[in-house]
Amino acid sequence: MRRCWRMPRWSRGGACGYRDGKVEVWAPTQSPQGARDAIAEAVGAKKEDVTVHVTLLGGAFGRKSFPDFAVEAAVLAKKTGKPVKVVWTREDDIRFDSYHSVRRCI
């Protein structure tokens, strides 16, 4: 099966706060439940203690269904004990991009 590489127009980014085992994240995610589950697992929190606020998405084309950038913000917020804002560079975005199986690449 062919795979198609894409070049998202907007870099990934999000903000997170961690306090008393509760996590609050603001991120442009296409899958808030998936982001919640991944963040809860990464920081050792209960799913019900993770709140994901979905921000404006822009053109995502499936890339923002992967919560890696939001998980990174949550892990850093827990480690530092302070609110954290993460914005990936274009280089990070390309290096850590993931691929979708597609039927047709143009």
PDB file of N, CA and C in Angstrom:
ATOM      1  N   MET A   1       0.846  -1.173   0.000  1.00  0.00           N
ATOM      2  CA  MET A   1       0.000   0.000   0.000  1.00  0.00           C
ATOM      3  C   MET A   1       0.892   1.236   0.000  1.00  0.00           C
ATOM      4  N   ARG A   2       0.583   2.168  -0.834  1.00  0.00           N
ATOM      5  CA  ARG A   2       1.352   3.415  -0.891  1.00  0.00           C
ATOM      6  C   ARG A   2       1.021   4.295   0.300  1.00  0.00           C
ATOM      7  N   ARG A   3       1.965   5.094   0.667  1.00  0.00           N
ATOM      8  CA  ARG A   3       1.747   6.064   1.736  1.00  0.00           C
ATOM      9  C   ARG A   3       2.050   7.446   1.176  1.00  0.00           C
ATOM     10  N   CYS A   4       1.323   8.405   1.680  1.00  0.00           N
ATOM     11  CA  CYS A   4       1.447   9.754   1.151  1.00  0.00           C
ATOM     12  C   CYS A   4       1.988  10.681   2.231  1.00  0.00           C
ATOM     13  N   TRP A   5       3.057  11.372   1.953  1.00  0.00           N
ATOM     14  CA  TRP A   5       3.631  12.348   2.871  1.00  0.00           C
ATOM     15  C   TRP A   5       2.946  13.677   2.625  1.00  0.00           C
ATOM     16  N   ARG A   6       2.682  14.397   3.649  1.00  0.00           N
ATOM     17  CA  ARG A   6       2.023  15.683   3.471  1.00  0.00           C
ATOM     18  C   ARG A   6       2.827  16.781   4.163  1.00  0.00           C
ATOM     19  N   MET A   7       2.589  17.984   3.773  1.00  0.00           N
ATOM     20  CA  MET A   7       3.274  19.138   4.335  1.00  0.00           C
ATOM     21  C   MET A   7       2.229  20.046   4.943  1.00  0.00           C
ATOM     22  N   PRO A   8       1.930  19.874   6.249  1.00  0.00           N
ATOM     23  CA  PRO A   8       0.918  20.728   6.871  1.00  0.00           C
ATOM     24  C   PRO A   8       1.331  22.194   6.805  1.00  0.00           C
ATOM     25  N   ARG A   9       0.369  23.026   6.656  1.00  0.00           N
ATOM     26  CA  ARG A   9       0.632  24.452   6.535  1.00  0.00           C
ATOM     27  C   ARG A   9       0.981  25.075   7.882  1.00  0.00           C
ATOM     28  N   TRP A  10       0.337  24.593   8.943  1.00  0.00           N
ATOM     29  CA  TRP A  10       0.551  25.163  10.267  1.00  0.00           C
ATOM     30  C   TRP A  10       1.293  24.177  11.144  1.00  0.00           C
ATOM     31  N   SER A  11       2.235  24.670  11.905  1.00  0.00           N
ATOM     32  CA  SER A  11       2.972  23.808  12.828  1.00  0.00           C
ATOM     33  C   SER A  11       2.083  23.397  13.992  1.00  0.00           C
ATOM     34  N   ARG A  12       2.473  22.342  14.663  1.00  0.00           N
ATOM     35  CA  ARG A  12       1.728  21.853  15.830  1.00  0.00           C
ATOM     36  C   ARG A  12       2.079  22.676  17.050  1.00  0.00           C
ATOM     37  N   GLY A  13       1.133  22.779  17.959  1.00  0.00           N
ATOM     38  CA  GLY A  13       1.388  23.496  19.197  1.00  0.00           C
ATOM     39  C   GLY A  13       0.223  23.368  20.151  1.00  0.00           C
ATOM     40  N   GLY A  14       0.492  23.598  21.402  1.00  0.00           N
ATOM     41  CA  GLY A  14      -0.558  23.538  22.406  1.00  0.00           C
ATOM     42  C   GLY A  14      -0.056  24.079  23.730  1.00  0.00           C
ATOM     43  N   ALA A  15      -0.976  24.250  24.651  1.00  0.00           N
ATOM     44  CA  ALA A  15      -0.624  24.737  25.991  1.00  0.00           C
ATOM     45  C   ALA A  15      -1.242  23.798  27.011  1.00  0.00           C
ATOM     46  N   CYS A  16      -0.580  23.690  28.156  1.00  0.00           N
ATOM     47  CA  CYS A  16      -1.063  22.755  29.172  1.00  0.00           C
ATOM     48  C   CYS A  16      -0.715  23.260  30.562  1.00  0.00           C
ATOM     49  N   GLY A  17      -1.615  22.976  31.475  1.00  0.00           N
ATOM     50  CA  GLY A  17      -1.371  23.220  32.891  1.00  0.00           C
ATOM     51  C   GLY A  17      -1.584  21.926  33.655  1.00  0.00           C
ATOM     52  N   TYR A  18      -0.772  21.671  34.667  1.00  0.00           N
ATOM     53  CA  TYR A  18      -0.877  20.464  35.487  1.00  0.00           C
ATOM     54  C   TYR A  18      -0.837  20.891  36.946  1.00  0.00           C
ATOM     55  N   ARG A  19      -1.875  20.498  37.691  1.00  0.00           N
ATOM     56  CA  ARG A  19      -1.913  20.858  39.102  1.00  0.00           C
ATOM     57  C   ARG A  19      -2.710  19.810  39.869  1.00  0.00           C
ATOM     58  N   ASP A  20      -2.128  19.311  40.937  1.00  0.00           N
ATOM     59  CA  ASP A  20      -2.800  18.349  41.820  1.00  0.00           C
ATOM     60  C   ASP A  20      -3.378  17.161  41.061  1.00  0.00           C
ATOM     61  N   GLY A  21      -2.634  16.638  40.110  1.00  0.00           N
ATOM     62  CA  GLY A  21      -3.078  15.468  39.361  1.00  0.00           C
ATOM     63  C   GLY A  21      -4.089  15.747  38.276  1.00  0.00           C
ATOM     64  N   LYS A  22      -4.451  17.003  38.088  1.00  0.00           N
ATOM     65  CA  LYS A  22      -5.415  17.391  37.052  1.00  0.00           C
ATOM     66  C   LYS A  22      -4.671  18.077  35.905  1.00  0.00           C
ATOM     67  N   VAL A  23      -5.097  17.766  34.697  1.00  0.00           N
ATOM     68  CA  VAL A  23      -4.428  18.284  33.505  1.00  0.00           C
ATOM     69  C   VAL A  23      -5.451  19.052  32.662  1.00  0.00           C
ATOM     70  N   GLU A  24      -5.053  20.228  32.204  1.00  0.00           N
ATOM     71  CA  GLU A  24      -5.904  21.017  31.317  1.00  0.00           C
ATOM     72  C   GLU A  24      -5.073  21.413  30.105  1.00  0.00           C
ATOM     73  N   VAL A  25      -5.560  21.049  28.926  1.00  0.00           N
ATOM     74  CA  VAL A  25      -4.807  21.242  27.686  1.00  0.00           C
ATOM     75  C   VAL A  25      -5.632  22.044  26.681  1.00  0.00           C
ATOM     76  N   TRP A  26      -4.972  22.940  25.971  1.00  0.00           N
ATOM     77  CA  TRP A  26      -5.566  23.674  24.855  1.00  0.00           C
ATOM     78  C   TRP A  26      -4.758  23.290  23.621  1.00  0.00           C
ATOM     79  N   ALA A  27      -5.408  22.651  22.661  1.00  0.00           N
ATOM     80  CA  ALA A  27      -4.679  22.183  21.480  1.00  0.00           C
ATOM     81  C   ALA A  27      -5.625  22.047  20.286  1.00  0.00           C
ATOM     82  N   PRO A  28      -5.099  22.252  19.079  1.00  0.00           N
ATOM     83  CA  PRO A  28      -5.904  22.077  17.875  1.00  0.00           C
ATOM     84  C   PRO A  28      -5.939  20.607  17.472  1.00  0.00           C
ATOM     85  N   THR A  29      -6.710  19.816  18.182  1.00  0.00           N
ATOM     86  CA  THR A  29      -6.743  18.383  17.926  1.00  0.00           C
ATOM     87  C   THR A  29      -8.044  17.964  17.252  1.00  0.00           C
ATOM     88  N   GLN A  30      -7.939  17.015  16.353  1.00  0.00           N
ATOM     89  CA  GLN A  30      -9.113  16.469  15.692  1.00  0.00           C
ATOM     90  C   GLN A  30      -9.730  15.335  16.508  1.00  0.00           C
ATOM     91  N   SER A  31      -9.033  14.899  17.542  1.00  0.00           N
ATOM     92  CA  SER A  31      -9.506  13.777  18.345  1.00  0.00           C
ATOM     93  C   SER A  31      -9.320  14.095  19.826  1.00  0.00           C
ATOM     94  N   PRO A  32     -10.217  14.890  20.404  1.00  0.00           N
ATOM     95  CA  PRO A  32     -10.035  15.253  21.812  1.00  0.00           C
ATOM     96  C   PRO A  32     -10.059  14.056  22.757  1.00  0.00           C
ATOM     97  N   GLN A  33     -10.860  13.038  22.447  1.00  0.00           N
ATOM     98  CA  GLN A  33     -10.887  11.859  23.306  1.00  0.00           C
ATOM     99  C   GLN A  33      -9.572  11.081  23.202  1.00  0.00           C
ATOM    100  N   GLY A  34      -9.048  10.968  21.997  1.00  0.00           N
ATOM    101  CA  GLY A  34      -7.762  10.302  21.802  1.00  0.00           C
ATOM    102  C   GLY A  34      -6.638  11.058  22.486  1.00  0.00           C
ATOM    103  N   ALA A  35      -6.674  12.393  22.402  1.00  0.00           N
ATOM    104  CA  ALA A  35      -5.674  13.216  23.080  1.00  0.00           C
ATOM    105  C   ALA A  35      -5.786  13.034  24.586  1.00  0.00           C
ATOM    106  N   ARG A  36      -7.011  13.052  25.107  1.00  0.00           N
ATOM    107  CA  ARG A  36      -7.232  12.859  26.545  1.00  0.00           C
ATOM    108  C   ARG A  36      -6.648  11.532  27.008  1.00  0.00           C
ATOM    109  N   ASP A  37      -6.925  10.467  26.278  1.00  0.00           N
ATOM    110  CA  ASP A  37      -6.445   9.142  26.657  1.00  0.00           C
ATOM    111  C   ASP A  37      -4.914   9.066  26.629  1.00  0.00           C
ATOM    112  N   ALA A  38      -4.308   9.615  25.581  1.00  0.00           N
ATOM    113  CA  ALA A  38      -2.848   9.586  25.452  1.00  0.00           C
ATOM    114  C   ALA A  38      -2.179  10.428  26.537  1.00  0.00           C
ATOM    115  N   ILE A  39      -2.759  11.579  26.837  1.00  0.00           N
ATOM    116  CA  ILE A  39      -2.202  12.457  27.882  1.00  0.00           C
ATOM    117  C   ILE A  39      -2.328  11.791  29.244  1.00  0.00           C
ATOM    118  N   ALA A  40      -3.484  11.204  29.532  1.00  0.00           N
ATOM    119  CA  ALA A  40      -3.680  10.523  30.826  1.00  0.00           C
ATOM    120  C   ALA A  40      -2.644   9.427  31.017  1.00  0.00           C
ATOM    121  N   GLU A  41      -2.412   8.644  29.975  1.00  0.00           N
ATOM    122  CA  GLU A  41      -1.422   7.571  30.066  1.00  0.00           C
ATOM    123  C   GLU A  41      -0.008   8.116  30.253  1.00  0.00           C
ATOM    124  N   ALA A  42       0.329   9.182  29.527  1.00  0.00           N
ATOM    125  CA  ALA A  42       1.689   9.736  29.579  1.00  0.00           C
ATOM    126  C   ALA A  42       2.033  10.345  30.930  1.00  0.00           C
ATOM    127  N   VAL A  43       1.056  10.965  31.591  1.00  0.00           N
ATOM    128  CA  VAL A  43       1.357  11.635  32.869  1.00  0.00           C
ATOM    129  C   VAL A  43       0.849  10.857  34.078  1.00  0.00           C
ATOM    130  N   GLY A  44       0.233   9.694  33.841  1.00  0.00           N
ATOM    131  CA  GLY A  44      -0.248   8.873  34.942  1.00  0.00           C
ATOM    132  C   GLY A  44      -1.473   9.435  35.642  1.00  0.00           C
ATOM    133  N   ALA A  45      -2.334  10.093  34.874  1.00  0.00           N
ATOM    134  CA  ALA A  45      -3.555  10.673  35.440  1.00  0.00           C
ATOM    135  C   ALA A  45      -4.763   9.838  35.026  1.00  0.00           C
ATOM    136  N   LYS A  46      -5.867  10.014  35.734  1.00  0.00           N
ATOM    137  CA  LYS A  46      -7.116   9.373  35.331  1.00  0.00           C
ATOM    138  C   LYS A  46      -7.676  10.152  34.142  1.00  0.00           C
ATOM    139  N   LYS A  47      -8.373   9.437  33.268  1.00  0.00           N
ATOM    140  CA  LYS A  47      -8.951  10.100  32.090  1.00  0.00           C
ATOM    141  C   LYS A  47      -9.885  11.238  32.485  1.00  0.00           C
ATOM    142  N   GLU A  48     -10.640  11.029  33.555  1.00  0.00           N
ATOM    143  CA  GLU A  48     -11.589  12.064  33.974  1.00  0.00           C
ATOM    144  C   GLU A  48     -10.900  13.293  34.563  1.00  0.00           C
ATOM    145  N   ASP A  49      -9.598  13.197  34.832  1.00  0.00           N
ATOM    146  CA  ASP A  49      -8.845  14.342  35.349  1.00  0.00           C
ATOM    147  C   ASP A  49      -8.124  15.113  34.248  1.00  0.00           C
ATOM    148  N   VAL A  50      -8.372  14.745  33.004  1.00  0.00           N
ATOM    149  CA  VAL A  50      -7.758  15.430  31.857  1.00  0.00           C
ATOM    150  C   VAL A  50      -8.857  16.143  31.068  1.00  0.00           C
ATOM    151  N   THR A  51      -8.705  17.453  30.899  1.00  0.00           N
ATOM    152  CA  THR A  51      -9.639  18.255  30.107  1.00  0.00           C
ATOM    153  C   THR A  51      -8.911  18.768  28.876  1.00  0.00           C
ATOM    154  N   VAL A  52      -9.498  18.510  27.711  1.00  0.00           N
ATOM    155  CA  VAL A  52      -8.901  18.978  26.455  1.00  0.00           C
ATOM    156  C   VAL A  52      -9.823  20.021  25.846  1.00  0.00           C
ATOM    157  N   HIS A  53      -9.312  21.228  25.679  1.00  0.00           N
ATOM    158  CA  HIS A  53     -10.040  22.309  25.015  1.00  0.00           C
ATOM    159  C   HIS A  53      -9.568  22.347  23.559  1.00  0.00           C
ATOM    160  N   VAL A  54     -10.475  22.143  22.632  1.00  0.00           N
ATOM    161  CA  VAL A  54     -10.116  22.142  21.218  1.00  0.00           C
ATOM    162  C   VAL A  54     -10.096  23.580  20.709  1.00  0.00           C
ATOM    163  N   THR A  55      -8.960  23.984  20.176  1.00  0.00           N
ATOM    164  CA  THR A  55      -8.818  25.322  19.604  1.00  0.00           C
ATOM    165  C   THR A  55      -9.092  25.249  18.102  1.00  0.00           C
ATOM    166  N   LEU A  56      -8.990  26.373  17.421  1.00  0.00           N
ATOM    167  CA  LEU A  56      -9.200  26.380  15.971  1.00  0.00           C
ATOM    168  C   LEU A  56      -8.193  25.463  15.297  1.00  0.00           C
ATOM    169  N   LEU A  57      -8.668  24.689  14.331  1.00  0.00           N
ATOM    170  CA  LEU A  57      -7.820  23.676  13.695  1.00  0.00           C
ATOM    171  C   LEU A  57      -7.064  24.164  12.477  1.00  0.00           C
ATOM    172  N   GLY A  58      -7.691  24.970  11.661  1.00  0.00           N
ATOM    173  CA  GLY A  58      -7.074  25.295  10.380  1.00  0.00           C
ATOM    174  C   GLY A  58      -7.163  24.075   9.486  1.00  0.00           C
ATOM    175  N   GLY A  59      -6.334  23.989   8.487  1.00  0.00           N
ATOM    176  CA  GLY A  59      -6.318  22.820   7.601  1.00  0.00           C
ATOM    177  C   GLY A  59      -5.446  21.748   8.205  1.00  0.00           C
ATOM    178  N   ALA A  60      -6.030  20.665   8.643  1.00  0.00           N
ATOM    179  CA  ALA A  60      -5.258  19.644   9.339  1.00  0.00           C
ATOM    180  C   ALA A  60      -4.995  18.428   8.462  1.00  0.00           C
ATOM    181  N   PHE A  61      -5.945  18.037   7.647  1.00  0.00           N
ATOM    182  CA  PHE A  61      -5.802  16.908   6.743  1.00  0.00           C
ATOM    183  C   PHE A  61      -5.388  15.629   7.461  1.00  0.00           C
ATOM    184  N   GLY A  62      -5.857  15.462   8.687  1.00  0.00           N
ATOM    185  CA  GLY A  62      -5.600  14.244   9.441  1.00  0.00           C
ATOM    186  C   GLY A  62      -4.424  14.304  10.390  1.00  0.00           C
ATOM    187  N   ARG A  63      -3.493  15.221  10.211  1.00  0.00           N
ATOM    188  CA  ARG A  63      -2.295  15.261  11.055  1.00  0.00           C
ATOM    189  C   ARG A  63      -2.626  15.569  12.506  1.00  0.00           C
ATOM    190  N   LYS A  64      -3.605  16.400  12.736  1.00  0.00           N
ATOM    191  CA  LYS A  64      -3.927  16.795  14.108  1.00  0.00           C
ATOM    192  C   LYS A  64      -4.769  15.753  14.835  1.00  0.00           C
ATOM    193  N   SER A  65      -4.928  14.591  14.218  1.00  0.00           N
ATOM    194  CA  SER A  65      -5.563  13.490  14.938  1.00  0.00           C
ATOM    195  C   SER A  65      -4.541  12.764  15.794  1.00  0.00           C
ATOM    196  N   PHE A  66      -3.263  13.046  15.588  1.00  0.00           N
ATOM    197  CA  PHE A  66      -2.195  12.479  16.411  1.00  0.00           C
ATOM    198  C   PHE A  66      -1.862  13.486  17.516  1.00  0.00           C
ATOM    199  N   PRO A  67      -1.973  13.089  18.794  1.00  0.00           N
ATOM    200  CA  PRO A  67      -1.839  14.060  19.887  1.00  0.00           C
ATOM    201  C   PRO A  67      -0.427  14.257  20.420  1.00  0.00           C
ATOM    202  N   ASP A  68       0.594  13.903  19.656  1.00  0.00           N
ATOM    203  CA  ASP A  68       1.955  13.942  20.170  1.00  0.00           C
ATOM    204  C   ASP A  68       2.382  15.309  20.714  1.00  0.00           C
ATOM    205  N   PHE A  69       1.987  16.368  20.053  1.00  0.00           N
ATOM    206  CA  PHE A  69       2.369  17.710  20.513  1.00  0.00           C
ATOM    207  C   PHE A  69       1.665  18.074  21.817  1.00  0.00           C
ATOM    208  N   ALA A  70       0.414  17.643  21.994  1.00  0.00           N
ATOM    209  CA  ALA A  70      -0.326  17.904  23.235  1.00  0.00           C
ATOM    210  C   ALA A  70       0.227  17.068  24.381  1.00  0.00           C
ATOM    211  N   VAL A  71       0.613  15.835  24.082  1.00  0.00           N
ATOM    212  CA  VAL A  71       1.228  14.974  25.095  1.00  0.00           C
ATOM    213  C   VAL A  71       2.548  15.584  25.562  1.00  0.00           C
ATOM    214  N   GLU A  72       3.329  16.092  24.628  1.00  0.00           N
ATOM    215  CA  GLU A  72       4.600  16.729  24.990  1.00  0.00           C
ATOM    216  C   GLU A  72       4.360  17.895  25.950  1.00  0.00           C
ATOM    217  N   ALA A  73       3.373  18.723  25.674  1.00  0.00           N
ATOM    218  CA  ALA A  73       3.065  19.856  26.555  1.00  0.00           C
ATOM    219  C   ALA A  73       2.651  19.370  27.942  1.00  0.00           C
ATOM    220  N   ALA A  74       1.857  18.315  28.007  1.00  0.00           N
ATOM    221  CA  ALA A  74       1.403  17.790  29.297  1.00  0.00           C
ATOM    222  C   ALA A  74       2.549  17.218  30.120  1.00  0.00           C
ATOM    223  N   VAL A  75       3.417  16.475  29.474  1.00  0.00           N
ATOM    224  CA  VAL A  75       4.569  15.891  30.182  1.00  0.00           C
ATOM    225  C   VAL A  75       5.472  17.000  30.721  1.00  0.00           C
ATOM    226  N   LEU A  76       5.714  18.018  29.917  1.00  0.00           N
ATOM    227  CA  LEU A  76       6.563  19.126  30.363  1.00  0.00           C
ATOM    228  C   LEU A  76       5.903  19.919  31.495  1.00  0.00           C
ATOM    229  N   ALA A  77       4.589  20.109  31.418  1.00  0.00           N
ATOM    230  CA  ALA A  77       3.883  20.831  32.481  1.00  0.00           C
ATOM    231  C   ALA A  77       3.972  20.064  33.799  1.00  0.00           C
ATOM    232  N   LYS A  78       3.844  18.751  33.737  1.00  0.00           N
ATOM    233  CA  LYS A  78       3.956  17.953  34.959  1.00  0.00           C
ATOM    234  C   LYS A  78       5.373  18.016  35.519  1.00  0.00           C
ATOM    235  N   LYS A  79       6.372  17.891  34.659  1.00  0.00           N
ATOM    236  CA  LYS A  79       7.767  17.895  35.111  1.00  0.00           C
ATOM    237  C   LYS A  79       8.185  19.241  35.692  1.00  0.00           C
ATOM    238  N   THR A  80       7.711  20.333  35.091  1.00  0.00           N
ATOM    239  CA  THR A  80       8.121  21.661  35.561  1.00  0.00           C
ATOM    240  C   THR A  80       7.226  22.197  36.668  1.00  0.00           C
ATOM    241  N   GLY A  81       6.001  21.679  36.750  1.00  0.00           N
ATOM    242  CA  GLY A  81       5.047  22.200  37.731  1.00  0.00           C
ATOM    243  C   GLY A  81       4.508  23.566  37.356  1.00  0.00           C
ATOM    244  N   LYS A  82       4.676  23.942  36.094  1.00  0.00           N
ATOM    245  CA  LYS A  82       4.223  25.253  35.611  1.00  0.00           C
ATOM    246  C   LYS A  82       3.461  25.072  34.302  1.00  0.00           C
ATOM    247  N   PRO A  83       2.607  26.031  33.957  1.00  0.00           N
ATOM    248  CA  PRO A  83       1.955  25.960  32.645  1.00  0.00           C
ATOM    249  C   PRO A  83       2.994  26.019  31.533  1.00  0.00           C
ATOM    250  N   VAL A  84       2.757  25.273  30.471  1.00  0.00           N
ATOM    251  CA  VAL A  84       3.721  25.167  29.380  1.00  0.00           C
ATOM    252  C   VAL A  84       3.019  25.396  28.049  1.00  0.00           C
ATOM    253  N   LYS A  85       3.700  26.107  27.165  1.00  0.00           N
ATOM    254  CA  LYS A  85       3.242  26.273  25.792  1.00  0.00           C
ATOM    255  C   LYS A  85       4.288  25.631  24.884  1.00  0.00           C
ATOM    256  N   VAL A  86       3.846  24.748  24.010  1.00  0.00           N
ATOM    257  CA  VAL A  86       4.747  24.072  23.085  1.00  0.00           C
ATOM    258  C   VAL A  86       4.360  24.461  21.669  1.00  0.00           C
ATOM    259  N   VAL A  87       5.321  24.898  20.890  1.00  0.00           N
ATOM    260  CA  VAL A  87       5.107  25.172  19.463  1.00  0.00           C
ATOM    261  C   VAL A  87       6.256  24.511  18.713  1.00  0.00           C
ATOM    262  N   TRP A  88       5.912  23.543  17.904  1.00  0.00           N
ATOM    263  CA  TRP A  88       6.937  22.847  17.141  1.00  0.00           C
ATOM    264  C   TRP A  88       7.454  23.733  16.015  1.00  0.00           C
ATOM    265  N   THR A  89       8.745  23.621  15.745  1.00  0.00           N
ATOM    266  CA  THR A  89       9.317  24.298  14.578  1.00  0.00           C
ATOM    267  C   THR A  89       8.891  23.532  13.324  1.00  0.00           C
ATOM    268  N   ARG A  90       9.082  24.121  12.194  1.00  0.00           N
ATOM    269  CA  ARG A  90       8.776  23.437  10.932  1.00  0.00           C
ATOM    270  C   ARG A  90       9.624  22.157  10.826  1.00  0.00           C
ATOM    271  N   GLU A  91      10.874  22.226  11.254  1.00  0.00           N
ATOM    272  CA  GLU A  91      11.754  21.062  11.196  1.00  0.00           C
ATOM    273  C   GLU A  91      11.232  19.927  12.088  1.00  0.00           C
ATOM    274  N   ASP A  92      10.794  20.278  13.321  1.00  0.00           N
ATOM    275  CA  ASP A  92      10.211  19.264  14.211  1.00  0.00           C
ATOM    276  C   ASP A  92       8.973  18.642  13.582  1.00  0.00           C
ATOM    277  N   ASP A  93       8.156  19.478  13.006  1.00  0.00           N
ATOM    278  CA  ASP A  93       6.906  19.018  12.415  1.00  0.00           C
ATOM    279  C   ASP A  93       7.160  18.009  11.299  1.00  0.00           C
ATOM    280  N   ILE A  94       8.133  18.290  10.459  1.00  0.00           N
ATOM    281  CA  ILE A  94       8.453  17.380   9.362  1.00  0.00           C
ATOM    282  C   ILE A  94       9.129  16.113   9.895  1.00  0.00           C
ATOM    283  N   ARG A  95      10.052  16.261  10.815  1.00  0.00           N
ATOM    284  CA  ARG A  95      10.787  15.117  11.357  1.00  0.00           C
ATOM    285  C   ARG A  95       9.869  14.139  12.083  1.00  0.00           C
ATOM    286  N   PHE A  96       8.915  14.636  12.850  1.00  0.00           N
ATOM    287  CA  PHE A  96       8.063  13.776  13.664  1.00  0.00           C
ATOM    288  C   PHE A  96       6.676  13.561  13.063  1.00  0.00           C
ATOM    289  N   ASP A  97       6.524  13.904  11.798  1.00  0.00           N
ATOM    290  CA  ASP A  97       5.237  13.695  11.136  1.00  0.00           C
ATOM    291  C   ASP A  97       4.957  12.202  11.053  1.00  0.00           C
ATOM    292  N   SER A  98       3.711  11.863  10.846  1.00  0.00           N
ATOM    293  CA  SER A  98       3.340  10.469  10.669  1.00  0.00           C
ATOM    294  C   SER A  98       2.629  10.345   9.331  1.00  0.00           C
ATOM    295  N   TYR A  99       2.527   9.142   8.874  1.00  0.00           N
ATOM    296  CA  TYR A  99       1.974   8.909   7.564  1.00  0.00           C
ATOM    297  C   TYR A  99       0.627   8.211   7.670  1.00  0.00           C
ATOM    298  N   HIS A 100      -0.250   8.519   6.745  1.00  0.00           N
ATOM    299  CA  HIS A 100      -1.528   7.858   6.634  1.00  0.00           C
ATOM    300  C   HIS A 100      -1.504   6.962   5.412  1.00  0.00           C
ATOM    301  N   SER A 101      -2.098   5.801   5.543  1.00  0.00           N
ATOM    302  CA  SER A 101      -2.285   4.972   4.358  1.00  0.00           C
ATOM    303  C   SER A 101      -3.355   5.645   3.496  1.00  0.00           C
ATOM    304  N   VAL A 102      -3.119   5.700   2.225  1.00  0.00           N
ATOM    305  CA  VAL A 102      -4.079   6.335   1.324  1.00  0.00           C
ATOM    306  C   VAL A 102      -4.299   5.446   0.105  1.00  0.00           C
ATOM    307  N   ARG A 103      -5.407   5.679  -0.552  1.00  0.00           N
ATOM    308  CA  ARG A 103      -5.669   4.927  -1.778  1.00  0.00           C
ATOM    309  C   ARG A 103      -5.029   5.597  -2.975  1.00  0.00           C
ATOM    310  N   ARG A 104      -4.891   6.911  -2.873  1.00  0.00           N
ATOM    311  CA  ARG A 104      -4.376   7.626  -4.033  1.00  0.00           C
ATOM    312  C   ARG A 104      -3.574   8.833  -3.568  1.00  0.00           C
ATOM    313  N   CYS A 105      -2.372   8.947  -4.084  1.00  0.00           N
ATOM    314  CA  CYS A 105      -1.551  10.133  -3.816  1.00  0.00           C
ATOM    315  C   CYS A 105      -1.485  10.950  -5.096  1.00  0.00           C
ATOM    316  N   ILE A 106      -1.587  12.233  -4.916  1.00  0.00           N
ATOM    317  CA  ILE A 106      -1.543  13.112  -6.087  1.00  0.00           C
ATOM    318  C   ILE A 106      -0.172  13.747  -6.172  1.00  0.00           C
TER     319      ILE A 106
END
